[in-house]
Each structure stands twice: as structure tokens, then as C-alpha cells.
Amino acid sequence: MTGKTHLAGGFAAGAGLAYAGAAFTELGMLLPPTLDVAGLAVPGIVPGLLACGIASLLPDIDEPESLIANSPENMKRRIGRGRAGIDRGARQSAGMLLTVLNVITRGLAGFVRLLAGGHRGATHMLLIAAALTIGMYFLGEAIGFAALWLWFAVGYLSHLLLDMLTPSGLALLWPLSRRPLHLLPGPLRIVTGGVGDVVVRIALLGIGVWVLYRLYM
């Protein structure tokens, strides 16, 4: 799946987690409604969806052409146009910084690709997902965001599930098995970047919006 579709998947997964937290008391206890951020009470779903979105892109850090590896360049393209003076200078400085950061993130992606054994290698396996989730648990405890691991896990798993809809599938159970696993029969598998990819993206965005509407309206 493309990065945009994975981002939509992370959004839908995060919205679903928030809805489940409101529906089930035990889960809701892990998802506080607000967080204290620099003295401000921020709705817990805001950093939660942000964590979900980043996690939904993270497995593709093994691909230099991926959305997450090129996120600084994408941010650079969105810097406002127009006005002159100090505003223009600030944009130019930010653009230079983002260009440097993009070189670093692409280099990191290439390095991870080597370590992971290629695209859809180690970063797309349950073992690595579990290890990273454990790391997020300790990070969340350190920064006062105890539910970080849960948002992260949901976003990361959304990526793996979407990639299992594609023809190549995932060797999800490595090192126990190298056999690619799929969620769809051959004729229904979705080609990355194709029409099916776009349809899934729109459907996931729609589901996420509908779930949040049901939750807050």
C-alpha cells in the first residue's frame, strides 16, 4: 500500500481505538480523556492519533522512497508561498534545514533496508513490532503518556494488516516461518498504487471520520 493509504489506516485504527476506549471501561482506563502537555490539558485523542499516524508509516522506514523517509521534503513543499522580507528568509532557512533532514532520513532508510534484509523485511514482522511496542511502553512512562504503547501498537499493526492485502503479502511470523501470509485470495489482492489502493484509502478515511462522529456527536 502507498504511504497515504497507510496513514489513512492509522487514522481509522486510532479512531477505532478511541471508540473502543469509550465503549469498554477496562480499555478506557488505559486511555485518559486528557493529557497535561506543558501545563495545558490536551484531549488524549490528539497525541494518540499522532502516535498512531507515525506508527502506521514507520514500517516503511526500510524504503528510501517511502512517505516517512521523505517526510521532511514533503513538509518543505508545504511551506507557505508569497510574502517577502523576513518571512521569505524564514522559509528559505526552514527549507534548507528540511533538505538536510531529508538527506538524513533517506540515508537512515537505506541503512535500515540493509539491516532489515530489504523492503518488507524485519520492520514488517511481528517480532519487531512487539519489540518496538515494548520500547514505546517505557518511553510513554518516561514522558507521562502511559497509553503511548497502545496507540503505537494499533497504528503499527494497521500497516502490517494493509500490506497483507497485497500480492506479495508479509512473512509476518519470521523467524518461525518465511512463508508470506495474505488476508485475501489471489484474485482479490490489492496492487500498491492501483485503483484498489485508492478505494481502500477513501474507505478508511470515511470509516475514521464516521467513527469519530459517532464518538463525539
C-alpha atoms as a PDB file:
ATOM      1  CA  MET A   1       0.000   0.000   0.000  1.00  0.00           C
ATOM      2  CA  THR A   2       1.100   3.586  -0.517  1.00  0.00           C
ATOM      3  CA  GLY A   3       2.085   5.802   2.403  1.00  0.00           C
ATOM      4  CA  LYS A   4      -1.129   7.799   2.087  1.00  0.00           C
ATOM      5  CA  THR A   5      -3.210   4.651   2.438  1.00  0.00           C
ATOM      6  CA  HIS A   6      -1.189   3.530   5.449  1.00  0.00           C
ATOM      7  CA  LEU A   7      -1.754   6.950   7.003  1.00  0.00           C
ATOM      8  CA  ALA A   8      -5.489   6.580   6.414  1.00  0.00           C
ATOM      9  CA  GLY A   9      -5.276   3.140   8.004  1.00  0.00           C
ATOM     10  CA  GLY A  10      -3.556   4.561  11.067  1.00  0.00           C
ATOM     11  CA  PHE A  11      -6.236   7.229  11.348  1.00  0.00           C
ATOM     12  CA  ALA A  12      -9.053   4.663  11.123  1.00  0.00           C
ATOM     13  CA  ALA A  13      -7.301   2.363  13.605  1.00  0.00           C
ATOM     14  CA  GLY A  14      -6.770   5.223  16.068  1.00  0.00           C
ATOM     15  CA  ALA A  15     -10.384   6.316  15.759  1.00  0.00           C
ATOM     16  CA  GLY A  16     -11.463   2.738  16.404  1.00  0.00           C
ATOM     17  CA  LEU A  17      -9.260   2.530  19.490  1.00  0.00           C
ATOM     18  CA  ALA A  18     -10.737   5.757  20.848  1.00  0.00           C
ATOM     19  CA  TYR A  19     -14.258   4.426  20.253  1.00  0.00           C
ATOM     20  CA  ALA A  20     -13.430   1.117  21.938  1.00  0.00           C
ATOM     21  CA  GLY A  21     -11.998   3.030  24.904  1.00  0.00           C
ATOM     22  CA  ALA A  22     -15.301   4.822  25.328  1.00  0.00           C
ATOM     23  CA  ALA A  23     -17.280   1.595  24.979  1.00  0.00           C
ATOM     24  CA  PHE A  24     -15.265  -0.639  27.320  1.00  0.00           C
ATOM     25  CA  THR A  25     -14.426   0.568  30.815  1.00  0.00           C
ATOM     26  CA  GLU A  26     -11.297  -1.546  31.217  1.00  0.00           C
ATOM     27  CA  LEU A  27      -9.806  -0.220  27.995  1.00  0.00           C
ATOM     28  CA  GLY A  28     -10.967   3.304  28.746  1.00  0.00           C
ATOM     29  CA  MET A  29      -8.918   3.277  31.939  1.00  0.00           C
ATOM     30  CA  LEU A  30      -5.809   2.998  29.740  1.00  0.00           C
ATOM     31  CA  LEU A  31      -6.895   5.936  27.584  1.00  0.00           C
ATOM     32  CA  PRO A  32      -7.270   9.081  29.731  1.00  0.00           C
ATOM     33  CA  PRO A  33      -9.508  11.738  28.149  1.00  0.00           C
ATOM     34  CA  THR A  34      -6.902  14.480  28.615  1.00  0.00           C
ATOM     35  CA  LEU A  35      -3.130  14.802  28.907  1.00  0.00           C
ATOM     36  CA  ASP A  36      -1.096  17.527  30.556  1.00  0.00           C
ATOM     37  CA  VAL A  37       1.179  18.992  27.871  1.00  0.00           C
ATOM     38  CA  ALA A  38       3.291  21.937  29.079  1.00  0.00           C
ATOM     39  CA  GLY A  39       0.592  22.819  31.584  1.00  0.00           C
ATOM     40  CA  LEU A  40      -2.233  22.586  29.049  1.00  0.00           C
ATOM     41  CA  ALA A  41      -4.994  19.980  29.142  1.00  0.00           C
ATOM     42  CA  VAL A  42      -4.907  18.388  25.688  1.00  0.00           C
ATOM     43  CA  PRO A  43      -7.536  15.838  24.568  1.00  0.00           C
ATOM     44  CA  GLY A  44      -5.854  12.449  24.770  1.00  0.00           C
ATOM     45  CA  ILE A  45      -7.002  11.507  21.288  1.00  0.00           C
ATOM     46  CA  VAL A  46      -4.851  14.247  19.709  1.00  0.00           C
ATOM     47  CA  PRO A  47      -1.405  12.872  20.652  1.00  0.00           C
ATOM     48  CA  GLY A  48      -2.910   9.410  20.350  1.00  0.00           C
ATOM     49  CA  LEU A  49      -3.852   9.856  16.693  1.00  0.00           C
ATOM     50  CA  LEU A  50      -0.479  11.492  16.046  1.00  0.00           C
ATOM     51  CA  ALA A  51       1.312   8.463  17.527  1.00  0.00           C
ATOM     52  CA  CYS A  52      -0.967   6.164  15.535  1.00  0.00           C
ATOM     53  CA  GLY A  53      -0.212   8.012  12.313  1.00  0.00           C
ATOM     54  CA  ILE A  54       3.557   7.914  12.792  1.00  0.00           C
ATOM     55  CA  ALA A  55       3.436   4.234  13.737  1.00  0.00           C
ATOM     56  CA  SER A  56       1.335   3.461  10.657  1.00  0.00           C
ATOM     57  CA  LEU A  57       4.165   4.777   8.459  1.00  0.00           C
ATOM     58  CA  LEU A  58       7.119   3.529  10.485  1.00  0.00           C
ATOM     59  CA  PRO A  59       7.465   0.006   8.994  1.00  0.00           C
ATOM     60  CA  ASP A  60       8.321   1.623   5.659  1.00  0.00           C
ATOM     61  CA  ILE A  61      11.421   3.258   7.142  1.00  0.00           C
ATOM     62  CA  ASP A  62      13.173   0.414   5.284  1.00  0.00           C
ATOM     63  CA  GLU A  63      12.360   2.144   1.958  1.00  0.00           C
ATOM     64  CA  PRO A  64      14.189   5.394   0.988  1.00  0.00           C
ATOM     65  CA  GLU A  65      11.351   6.331  -1.385  1.00  0.00           C
ATOM     66  CA  SER A  66       8.652   5.945   1.269  1.00  0.00           C
ATOM     67  CA  LEU A  67       6.469   8.721   2.644  1.00  0.00           C
ATOM     68  CA  ILE A  68       8.062   8.616   6.090  1.00  0.00           C
ATOM     69  CA  ALA A  69      11.623   8.658   4.731  1.00  0.00           C
ATOM     70  CA  ASN A  70      10.777  11.742   2.654  1.00  0.00           C
ATOM     71  CA  SER A  71       8.606  13.497   5.242  1.00  0.00           C
ATOM     72  CA  PRO A  72      10.991  16.496   5.586  1.00  0.00           C
ATOM     73  CA  GLU A  73      10.842  17.063   1.816  1.00  0.00           C
ATOM     74  CA  ASN A  74       7.049  16.841   1.902  1.00  0.00           C
ATOM     75  CA  MET A  75       6.990  19.414   4.702  1.00  0.00           C
ATOM     76  CA  LYS A  76       9.278  21.672   2.664  1.00  0.00           C
ATOM     77  CA  ARG A  77       6.820  21.616  -0.248  1.00  0.00           C
ATOM     78  CA  ARG A  78       4.051  22.790   2.057  1.00  0.00           C
ATOM     79  CA  ILE A  79       5.877  25.838   3.375  1.00  0.00           C
ATOM     80  CA  GLY A  80       3.770  28.864   2.508  1.00  0.00           C
ATOM     81  CA  ARG A  81       4.383  30.869  -0.628  1.00  0.00           C
ATOM     82  CA  GLY A  82       4.194  34.535  -1.251  1.00  0.00           C
ATOM     83  CA  ARG A  83       5.209  37.214   1.128  1.00  0.00           C
ATOM     84  CA  ALA A  84       8.636  38.845   1.139  1.00  0.00           C
ATOM     85  CA  GLY A  85      11.128  40.082   3.735  1.00  0.00           C
ATOM     86  CA  ILE A  86      11.784  38.165   6.916  1.00  0.00           C
ATOM     87  CA  ASP A  87       9.012  35.719   6.056  1.00  0.00           C
ATOM     88  CA  ARG A  88      10.793  34.725   2.858  1.00  0.00           C
ATOM     89  CA  GLY A  89      14.086  34.388   4.704  1.00  0.00           C
ATOM     90  CA  ALA A  90      12.488  32.201   7.327  1.00  0.00           C
ATOM     91  CA  ARG A  91      11.024  29.952   4.647  1.00  0.00           C
ATOM     92  CA  GLN A  92      14.376  29.653   2.915  1.00  0.00           C
ATOM     93  CA  SER A  93      16.140  28.776   6.171  1.00  0.00           C
ATOM     94  CA  ALA A  94      13.470  26.214   7.047  1.00  0.00           C
ATOM     95  CA  GLY A  95      13.708  24.794   3.535  1.00  0.00           C
ATOM     96  CA  MET A  96      17.456  24.316   3.820  1.00  0.00           C
ATOM     97  CA  LEU A  97      17.084  22.612   7.188  1.00  0.00           C
ATOM     98  CA  LEU A  98      14.383  20.306   5.861  1.00  0.00           C
ATOM     99  CA  THR A  99      16.526  19.441   2.840  1.00  0.00           C
ATOM    100  CA  VAL A 100      19.356  18.373   5.141  1.00  0.00           C
ATOM    101  CA  LEU A 101      16.933  16.404   7.308  1.00  0.00           C
ATOM    102  CA  ASN A 102      15.567  14.674   4.227  1.00  0.00           C
ATOM    103  CA  VAL A 103      19.048  13.526   3.253  1.00  0.00           C
ATOM    104  CA  ILE A 104      19.473  12.134   6.769  1.00  0.00           C
ATOM    105  CA  THR A 105      16.109  10.318   6.812  1.00  0.00           C
ATOM    106  CA  ARG A 106      16.703   8.807   3.368  1.00  0.00           C
ATOM    107  CA  GLY A 107      20.162   7.696   4.444  1.00  0.00           C
ATOM    108  CA  LEU A 108      18.679   6.169   7.578  1.00  0.00           C
ATOM    109  CA  ALA A 109      16.082   4.366   5.477  1.00  0.00           C
ATOM    110  CA  GLY A 110      18.803   2.930   3.256  1.00  0.00           C
ATOM    111  CA  PHE A 111      20.728   1.739   6.304  1.00  0.00           C
ATOM    112  CA  VAL A 112      17.615   0.161   7.830  1.00  0.00           C
ATOM    113  CA  ARG A 113      16.899  -1.522   4.498  1.00  0.00           C
ATOM    114  CA  LEU A 114      20.309  -3.212   4.635  1.00  0.00           C
ATOM    115  CA  LEU A 115      19.819  -4.326   8.232  1.00  0.00           C
ATOM    116  CA  ALA A 116      16.236  -5.458   7.626  1.00  0.00           C
ATOM    117  CA  GLY A 117      17.083  -7.585   4.614  1.00  0.00           C
ATOM    118  CA  GLY A 118      15.276  -5.399   2.086  1.00  0.00           C
ATOM    119  CA  HIS A 119      11.873  -3.772   1.899  1.00  0.00           C
ATOM    120  CA  ARG A 120       9.170  -5.593   3.863  1.00  0.00           C
ATOM    121  CA  GLY A 121      11.848  -7.380   5.803  1.00  0.00           C
ATOM    122  CA  ALA A 122      12.403  -7.179   9.548  1.00  0.00           C
ATOM    123  CA  THR A 123      10.384  -3.985  10.057  1.00  0.00           C
ATOM    124  CA  HIS A 124       7.304  -5.812   8.778  1.00  0.00           C
ATOM    125  CA  MET A 125       7.473  -8.709  11.246  1.00  0.00           C
ATOM    126  CA  LEU A 126       5.515  -9.261  14.451  1.00  0.00           C
ATOM    127  CA  LEU A 127       8.703  -9.804  16.450  1.00  0.00           C
ATOM    128  CA  ILE A 128       9.981  -6.300  15.642  1.00  0.00           C
ATOM    129  CA  ALA A 129       6.517  -4.812  16.149  1.00  0.00           C
ATOM    130  CA  ALA A 130       6.411  -6.345  19.646  1.00  0.00           C
ATOM    131  CA  ALA A 131       9.923  -5.131  20.491  1.00  0.00           C
ATOM    132  CA  LEU A 132       9.144  -1.569  19.384  1.00  0.00           C
ATOM    133  CA  THR A 133       5.866  -1.594  21.299  1.00  0.00           C
ATOM    134  CA  ILE A 134       7.739  -2.555  24.473  1.00  0.00           C
ATOM    135  CA  GLY A 135      10.095   0.342  23.820  1.00  0.00           C
ATOM    136  CA  MET A 136       7.104   2.680  23.433  1.00  0.00           C
ATOM    137  CA  TYR A 137       5.777   1.469  26.780  1.00  0.00           C
ATOM    138  CA  PHE A 138       8.897   2.644  28.587  1.00  0.00           C
ATOM    139  CA  LEU A 139       9.071   5.868  26.563  1.00  0.00           C
ATOM    140  CA  GLY A 140       5.435   6.608  27.382  1.00  0.00           C
ATOM    141  CA  GLU A 141       6.063   6.068  31.083  1.00  0.00           C
ATOM    142  CA  ALA A 142       9.033   8.445  30.914  1.00  0.00           C
ATOM    143  CA  ILE A 143       7.161  11.286  29.195  1.00  0.00           C
ATOM    144  CA  GLY A 144       3.850  10.946  31.032  1.00  0.00           C
ATOM    145  CA  PHE A 145       1.920   9.375  28.152  1.00  0.00           C
ATOM    146  CA  ALA A 146       1.269   5.901  29.540  1.00  0.00           C
ATOM    147  CA  ALA A 147      -1.032   4.871  26.679  1.00  0.00           C
ATOM    148  CA  LEU A 148       1.598   5.596  24.010  1.00  0.00           C
ATOM    149  CA  TRP A 149       2.381   1.904  23.561  1.00  0.00           C
ATOM    150  CA  LEU A 150      -1.253   1.111  22.825  1.00  0.00           C
ATOM    151  CA  TRP A 151      -1.698   3.856  20.215  1.00  0.00           C
ATOM    152  CA  PHE A 152       1.635   2.849  18.685  1.00  0.00           C
ATOM    153  CA  ALA A 153       0.752  -0.847  18.519  1.00  0.00           C
ATOM    154  CA  VAL A 154      -2.592  -0.177  16.844  1.00  0.00           C
ATOM    155  CA  GLY A 155      -1.018   2.096  14.231  1.00  0.00           C
ATOM    156  CA  TYR A 156       1.879  -0.271  13.519  1.00  0.00           C
ATOM    157  CA  LEU A 157      -0.397  -3.294  13.185  1.00  0.00           C
ATOM    158  CA  SER A 158      -2.665  -1.377  10.801  1.00  0.00           C
ATOM    159  CA  HIS A 159       0.320  -1.092   8.442  1.00  0.00           C
ATOM    160  CA  LEU A 160       1.059  -4.807   8.594  1.00  0.00           C
ATOM    161  CA  LEU A 161      -2.563  -5.761   8.001  1.00  0.00           C
ATOM    162  CA  LEU A 162      -2.841  -3.487   4.967  1.00  0.00           C
ATOM    163  CA  ASP A 163       0.336  -4.912   3.450  1.00  0.00           C
ATOM    164  CA  MET A 164      -1.132  -8.384   3.870  1.00  0.00           C
ATOM    165  CA  LEU A 165      -3.837  -7.335   1.395  1.00  0.00           C
ATOM    166  CA  THR A 166      -1.236  -7.006  -1.382  1.00  0.00           C
ATOM    167  CA  PRO A 167       0.034  -9.733  -3.760  1.00  0.00           C
ATOM    168  CA  SER A 168       3.417 -10.119  -2.029  1.00  0.00           C
ATOM    169  CA  GLY A 169       1.961 -10.404   1.488  1.00  0.00           C
ATOM    170  CA  LEU A 170       4.228 -10.471   4.541  1.00  0.00           C
ATOM    171  CA  ALA A 171       6.476 -13.034   6.211  1.00  0.00           C
ATOM    172  CA  LEU A 172       4.835 -11.896   9.413  1.00  0.00           C
ATOM    173  CA  LEU A 173       5.902 -14.845  11.580  1.00  0.00           C
ATOM    174  CA  TRP A 174       9.635 -14.776  10.826  1.00  0.00           C
ATOM    175  CA  PRO A 175      11.827 -16.382  12.222  1.00  0.00           C
ATOM    176  CA  LEU A 176       9.270 -19.149  12.813  1.00  0.00           C
ATOM    177  CA  SER A 177       8.231 -19.123   9.166  1.00  0.00           C
ATOM    178  CA  ARG A 178       9.348 -17.348   5.997  1.00  0.00           C
ATOM    179  CA  ARG A 179       6.069 -18.098   4.241  1.00  0.00           C
ATOM    180  CA  PRO A 180       4.255 -14.916   3.094  1.00  0.00           C
ATOM    181  CA  LEU A 181       0.838 -14.508   4.687  1.00  0.00           C
ATOM    182  CA  HIS A 182      -2.152 -12.945   2.930  1.00  0.00           C
ATOM    183  CA  LEU A 183      -5.571 -11.767   4.037  1.00  0.00           C
ATOM    184  CA  LEU A 184      -7.194 -12.063   0.594  1.00  0.00           C
ATOM    185  CA  PRO A 185      -7.317 -14.770  -2.065  1.00  0.00           C
ATOM    186  CA  GLY A 186      -5.115 -14.182  -5.108  1.00  0.00           C
ATOM    187  CA  PRO A 187      -7.630 -12.545  -7.476  1.00  0.00           C
ATOM    188  CA  LEU A 188      -8.714 -10.011  -4.836  1.00  0.00           C
ATOM    189  CA  ARG A 189      -5.281  -8.858  -3.682  1.00  0.00           C
ATOM    190  CA  ILE A 190      -4.674  -5.131  -3.995  1.00  0.00           C
ATOM    191  CA  VAL A 191      -1.797  -3.749  -6.046  1.00  0.00           C
ATOM    192  CA  THR A 192       0.078  -0.888  -4.371  1.00  0.00           C
ATOM    193  CA  GLY A 193      -0.695   2.378  -6.138  1.00  0.00           C
ATOM    194  CA  GLY A 194      -3.572   0.896  -8.116  1.00  0.00           C
ATOM    195  CA  VAL A 195      -7.272   1.693  -8.106  1.00  0.00           C
ATOM    196  CA  GLY A 196      -7.891  -0.729  -5.246  1.00  0.00           C
ATOM    197  CA  ASP A 197      -5.310   1.110  -3.147  1.00  0.00           C
ATOM    198  CA  VAL A 198      -7.182   4.391  -3.659  1.00  0.00           C
ATOM    199  CA  VAL A 199     -10.531   2.764  -2.868  1.00  0.00           C
ATOM    200  CA  VAL A 200      -9.173   1.310   0.372  1.00  0.00           C
ATOM    201  CA  ARG A 201      -7.719   4.721   1.318  1.00  0.00           C
ATOM    202  CA  ILE A 202     -11.024   6.519   0.797  1.00  0.00           C
ATOM    203  CA  ALA A 203     -12.898   3.795   2.672  1.00  0.00           C
ATOM    204  CA  LEU A 204     -10.519   4.004   5.644  1.00  0.00           C
ATOM    205  CA  LEU A 205     -10.785   7.793   5.799  1.00  0.00           C
ATOM    206  CA  GLY A 206     -14.557   7.522   5.671  1.00  0.00           C
ATOM    207  CA  ILE A 207     -14.603   4.900   8.424  1.00  0.00           C
ATOM    208  CA  GLY A 208     -12.339   7.010  10.628  1.00  0.00           C
ATOM    209  CA  VAL A 209     -14.464  10.130  10.208  1.00  0.00           C
ATOM    210  CA  TRP A 210     -17.677   8.179  10.829  1.00  0.00           C
ATOM    211  CA  VAL A 211     -16.290   6.569  13.990  1.00  0.00           C
ATOM    212  CA  LEU A 212     -15.146   9.924  15.384  1.00  0.00           C
ATOM    213  CA  TYR A 213     -18.518  11.426  14.520  1.00  0.00           C
ATOM    214  CA  ARG A 214     -20.275   8.646  16.445  1.00  0.00           C
ATOM    215  CA  LEU A 215     -17.874   9.142  19.342  1.00  0.00           C
ATOM    216  CA  TYR A 216     -18.212  12.904  19.756  1.00  0.00           C
ATOM    217  CA  MET A 217     -21.595  13.800  18.316  1.00  0.00           C
END
